[in-house]
């Protein structure tokens, strides 16, 4: 058993069960694309380590809270215009325990609870994580107020990114949508948000 302090990012796919019910093959193809083209490359670029994979989610460990937060923002930014896959992301910094190829502890518990509270496309971070960021990075988040998270003794102040008006998911439907004859899943390329954020070019 190993114990250490770490920044933990928890992420899961929004509406996974519904997507699988509508089009299992298409959903699995979209998830494979997400893993190989976006999620795992972003984790590597931000010096993270995927410590647990579920069918529709991940637990990722980082040595730096700054890397964890930037990774979450880059992944969410790249998914803005995707028609199929959207994620919820939670980030917390705390103690984790590694045992028998699994990970436990307060760091994982709080990150997972924050992920559950997140709206599609959001990154939620704890007050502990927010206090560890510099002023510029912390300023990107809005205060969501204290929350009593399940199985967490203290109330945790939640910080949200982005501002509501900053990201509009492409899944928003028009007032009178035309329904297809049967459900379908589109596997589309992911937006290169990471490159645009680094160069300052947003179109």
Protein backbone atom coordinates (compact mmCIF):
# COMPACT_ATOMS: atom_id res chain seq x y z
CA UNK A 1 0.00 0.00 0.00
CA UNK A 2 1.33 3.43 -0.98
CA UNK A 3 0.11 6.81 0.25
CA UNK A 4 0.94 10.19 -1.25
CA UNK A 5 -0.46 13.63 -1.96
CA UNK A 6 -1.57 14.14 -5.54
CA UNK A 7 -3.80 16.21 -7.77
CA UNK A 8 -6.62 14.00 -9.03
CA UNK A 9 -8.76 14.55 -12.12
CA UNK A 10 -11.97 12.53 -12.42
CA UNK A 11 -13.83 12.52 -15.73
CA UNK A 12 -16.82 10.67 -17.16
CA UNK A 13 -18.91 10.65 -20.33
CA UNK A 14 -22.27 12.41 -20.16
CA UNK A 15 -25.22 10.16 -20.97
CA UNK A 16 -23.09 7.06 -21.53
CA UNK A 17 -25.91 4.57 -20.89
CA UNK A 18 -28.26 6.42 -23.25
CA UNK A 19 -25.61 6.64 -25.98
CA UNK A 20 -24.86 2.93 -25.69
CA UNK A 21 -28.57 2.11 -25.89
CA UNK A 22 -29.03 4.23 -29.02
CA UNK A 23 -25.94 3.06 -30.91
CA UNK A 24 -23.48 0.78 -29.13
CA UNK A 25 -21.07 0.39 -32.04
CA UNK A 26 -20.98 4.10 -32.84
CA UNK A 27 -20.55 5.07 -29.19
CA UNK A 28 -17.65 2.66 -28.72
CA UNK A 29 -16.00 4.02 -31.87
CA UNK A 30 -16.40 7.59 -30.59
CA UNK A 31 -14.94 6.62 -27.21
CA UNK A 32 -11.94 4.93 -28.83
CA UNK A 33 -11.34 8.07 -30.83
CA UNK A 34 -11.66 10.19 -27.68
CA UNK A 35 -9.14 8.08 -25.79
CA UNK A 36 -6.53 7.83 -28.54
CA UNK A 37 -6.80 11.26 -30.16
CA UNK A 38 -7.63 13.56 -27.27
CA UNK A 39 -7.88 12.31 -23.70
CA UNK A 40 -4.73 10.24 -23.26
CA UNK A 41 -2.51 12.55 -25.38
CA UNK A 42 -3.69 15.52 -23.28
CA UNK A 43 -2.89 13.62 -20.06
CA UNK A 44 0.60 12.84 -21.37
CA UNK A 45 1.18 16.45 -22.48
CA UNK A 46 0.31 17.64 -18.97
CA UNK A 47 2.51 15.07 -17.19
CA UNK A 48 -0.40 13.02 -15.87
CA UNK A 49 -0.89 9.31 -15.32
CA UNK A 50 -4.18 7.47 -15.90
CA UNK A 51 -4.46 5.30 -12.78
CA UNK A 52 -7.95 3.90 -13.35
CA UNK A 53 -10.10 3.38 -16.44
CA UNK A 54 -13.82 2.63 -16.30
CA UNK A 55 -16.11 2.01 -19.27
CA UNK A 56 -17.16 5.65 -19.33
CA UNK A 57 -14.59 7.41 -17.16
CA UNK A 58 -11.06 7.91 -15.89
CA UNK A 59 -9.14 8.72 -12.73
CA UNK A 60 -5.91 10.59 -13.52
CA UNK A 61 -3.07 11.48 -11.15
CA UNK A 62 -0.87 14.59 -11.48
CA UNK A 63 2.01 15.84 -9.36
CA UNK A 64 0.87 19.44 -10.01
CA UNK A 65 -2.60 20.89 -9.53
CA UNK A 66 -1.78 23.39 -12.29
CA UNK A 67 -1.21 20.52 -14.74
CA UNK A 68 -4.42 18.78 -13.65
CA UNK A 69 -6.53 21.91 -14.13
CA UNK A 70 -4.96 22.80 -17.48
CA UNK A 71 -5.46 19.24 -18.69
CA UNK A 72 -9.15 19.35 -17.79
CA UNK A 73 -9.65 22.71 -19.50
CA UNK A 74 -7.85 21.62 -22.66
CA UNK A 75 -9.90 18.42 -22.93
CA UNK A 76 -13.20 20.23 -22.38
CA UNK A 77 -12.27 22.99 -24.79
CA UNK A 78 -11.52 20.45 -27.51
CA UNK A 79 -14.94 18.82 -27.08
CA UNK A 80 -17.05 21.97 -27.41
CA UNK A 81 -18.08 21.34 -31.03
CA UNK A 82 -18.35 17.57 -30.83
CA UNK A 83 -21.84 16.24 -31.54
CA UNK A 84 -21.57 12.99 -29.59
CA UNK A 85 -19.15 13.02 -26.67
CA UNK A 86 -19.24 15.47 -23.76
CA UNK A 87 -17.53 15.06 -20.40
CA UNK A 88 -17.87 16.16 -16.80
CA UNK A 89 -14.58 16.84 -15.00
CA UNK A 90 -13.73 17.28 -11.30
CA UNK A 91 -10.31 18.13 -9.84
CA UNK A 92 -9.09 17.99 -6.24
CA UNK A 93 -5.76 17.82 -4.44
CA UNK A 94 -5.43 15.44 -1.50
CA UNK A 95 -4.12 12.15 -0.19
CA UNK A 96 -4.49 9.03 -2.33
CA UNK A 97 -3.83 5.38 -1.52
CA UNK A 98 -2.66 2.84 -4.08
CA UNK A 99 -3.39 -0.81 -3.33
CA UNK A 100 -3.94 -3.91 -5.48
CA UNK A 101 -3.94 -1.98 -8.78
CA UNK A 102 -6.62 0.39 -7.51
CA UNK A 103 -6.66 3.90 -6.04
CA UNK A 104 -8.61 5.22 -3.06
CA UNK A 105 -8.59 8.11 -0.62
CA UNK A 106 -9.86 11.61 -0.02
CA UNK A 107 -8.24 12.95 -3.18
CA UNK A 108 -10.20 10.52 -5.35
CA UNK A 109 -13.46 10.81 -3.39
CA UNK A 110 -13.70 14.60 -3.63
CA UNK A 111 -12.67 14.71 -7.30
CA UNK A 112 -15.31 12.11 -8.14
CA UNK A 113 -18.05 14.01 -6.23
CA UNK A 114 -17.11 17.23 -8.03
CA UNK A 115 -17.29 15.45 -11.37
CA UNK A 116 -20.82 14.29 -10.51
CA UNK A 117 -21.87 17.91 -9.83
CA UNK A 118 -20.38 19.28 -13.05
CA UNK A 119 -22.51 20.24 -16.01
CA UNK A 120 -21.53 18.83 -19.42
CA UNK A 121 -18.43 20.68 -20.59
CA UNK A 122 -17.51 22.00 -17.13
CA UNK A 123 -14.43 21.60 -14.96
CA UNK A 124 -15.20 21.83 -11.23
CA UNK A 125 -12.37 22.19 -8.74
CA UNK A 126 -12.30 22.22 -4.94
CA UNK A 127 -11.29 25.13 -2.73
CA UNK A 128 -8.08 23.24 -1.94
CA UNK A 129 -7.22 23.03 -5.63
CA UNK A 130 -8.24 26.66 -6.25
CA UNK A 131 -6.03 27.91 -3.41
CA UNK A 132 -3.04 26.17 -5.01
CA UNK A 133 -3.37 28.01 -8.34
CA UNK A 134 -1.73 31.32 -9.19
CA UNK A 135 -3.89 34.40 -9.62
CA UNK A 136 -4.25 34.14 -13.39
CA UNK A 137 -5.26 30.47 -13.39
CA UNK A 138 -7.55 30.90 -10.37
CA UNK A 139 -9.23 33.88 -12.02
CA UNK A 140 -10.65 31.69 -14.78
CA UNK A 141 -13.01 30.06 -12.27
CA UNK A 142 -16.24 31.39 -10.79
CA UNK A 143 -17.26 30.67 -7.20
CA UNK A 144 -20.04 28.10 -7.08
CA UNK A 145 -20.41 28.33 -3.29
CA UNK A 146 -20.05 25.69 -0.57
CA UNK A 147 -21.36 22.18 -1.22
CA UNK A 148 -21.86 19.29 1.17
CA UNK A 149 -20.46 16.41 -0.84
CA UNK A 150 -21.58 12.85 -0.15
CA UNK A 151 -19.34 11.07 2.38
CA UNK A 152 -17.13 14.17 2.78
CA UNK A 153 -17.14 15.55 6.35
CA UNK A 154 -16.55 19.23 5.58
CA UNK A 155 -18.36 21.53 3.19
CA UNK A 156 -16.28 22.09 0.06
CA UNK A 157 -16.38 25.39 -1.81
CA UNK A 158 -16.73 24.58 -5.49
CA UNK A 159 -15.14 26.61 -8.29
CA UNK A 160 -16.47 26.34 -11.84
CA UNK A 161 -15.00 26.76 -15.32
CA UNK A 162 -16.04 28.12 -17.73
CA UNK A 163 -18.39 31.00 -17.20
CA UNK A 164 -21.84 29.97 -18.46
CA UNK A 165 -21.62 32.18 -21.54
CA UNK A 166 -18.09 31.08 -22.48
CA UNK A 167 -18.89 27.63 -23.83
CA UNK A 168 -22.09 26.60 -25.59
CA UNK A 169 -22.18 22.89 -26.34
CA UNK A 170 -23.07 22.00 -29.89
CA UNK A 171 -25.60 19.51 -28.53
CA UNK A 172 -28.02 22.38 -27.84
CA UNK A 173 -31.06 21.65 -29.96
CA UNK A 174 -33.02 24.12 -32.15
CA UNK A 175 -36.57 24.95 -31.16
CA UNK A 176 -38.11 22.61 -33.77
CA UNK A 177 -35.54 19.91 -34.51
CA UNK A 178 -36.12 17.38 -37.26
CA UNK A 179 -35.84 13.94 -35.73
CA UNK A 180 -33.97 11.23 -37.63
CA UNK A 181 -35.75 7.99 -38.49
CA UNK A 182 -33.48 6.16 -36.05
CA UNK A 183 -30.82 7.16 -33.49
CA UNK A 184 -27.33 7.66 -34.90
CA UNK A 185 -23.89 8.47 -33.54
CA UNK A 186 -21.45 10.60 -35.50
CA UNK A 187 -17.71 10.10 -34.98
CA UNK A 188 -16.22 13.53 -35.58
CA UNK A 189 -12.73 15.02 -35.24
CA UNK A 190 -11.93 16.83 -31.99
CA UNK A 191 -11.34 20.57 -32.00
CA UNK A 192 -7.68 21.51 -31.53
CA UNK A 193 -8.38 23.72 -28.53
CA UNK A 194 -4.91 23.12 -27.04
CA UNK A 195 -3.15 24.65 -30.04
CA UNK A 196 -5.57 27.60 -30.16
CA UNK A 197 -5.15 28.30 -26.43
CA UNK A 198 -1.37 28.32 -26.69
CA UNK A 199 -1.28 30.55 -29.78
CA UNK A 200 -4.13 32.81 -28.69
CA UNK A 201 -6.03 32.13 -31.94
CA UNK A 202 -9.74 31.44 -31.35
CA UNK A 203 -12.09 31.25 -34.34
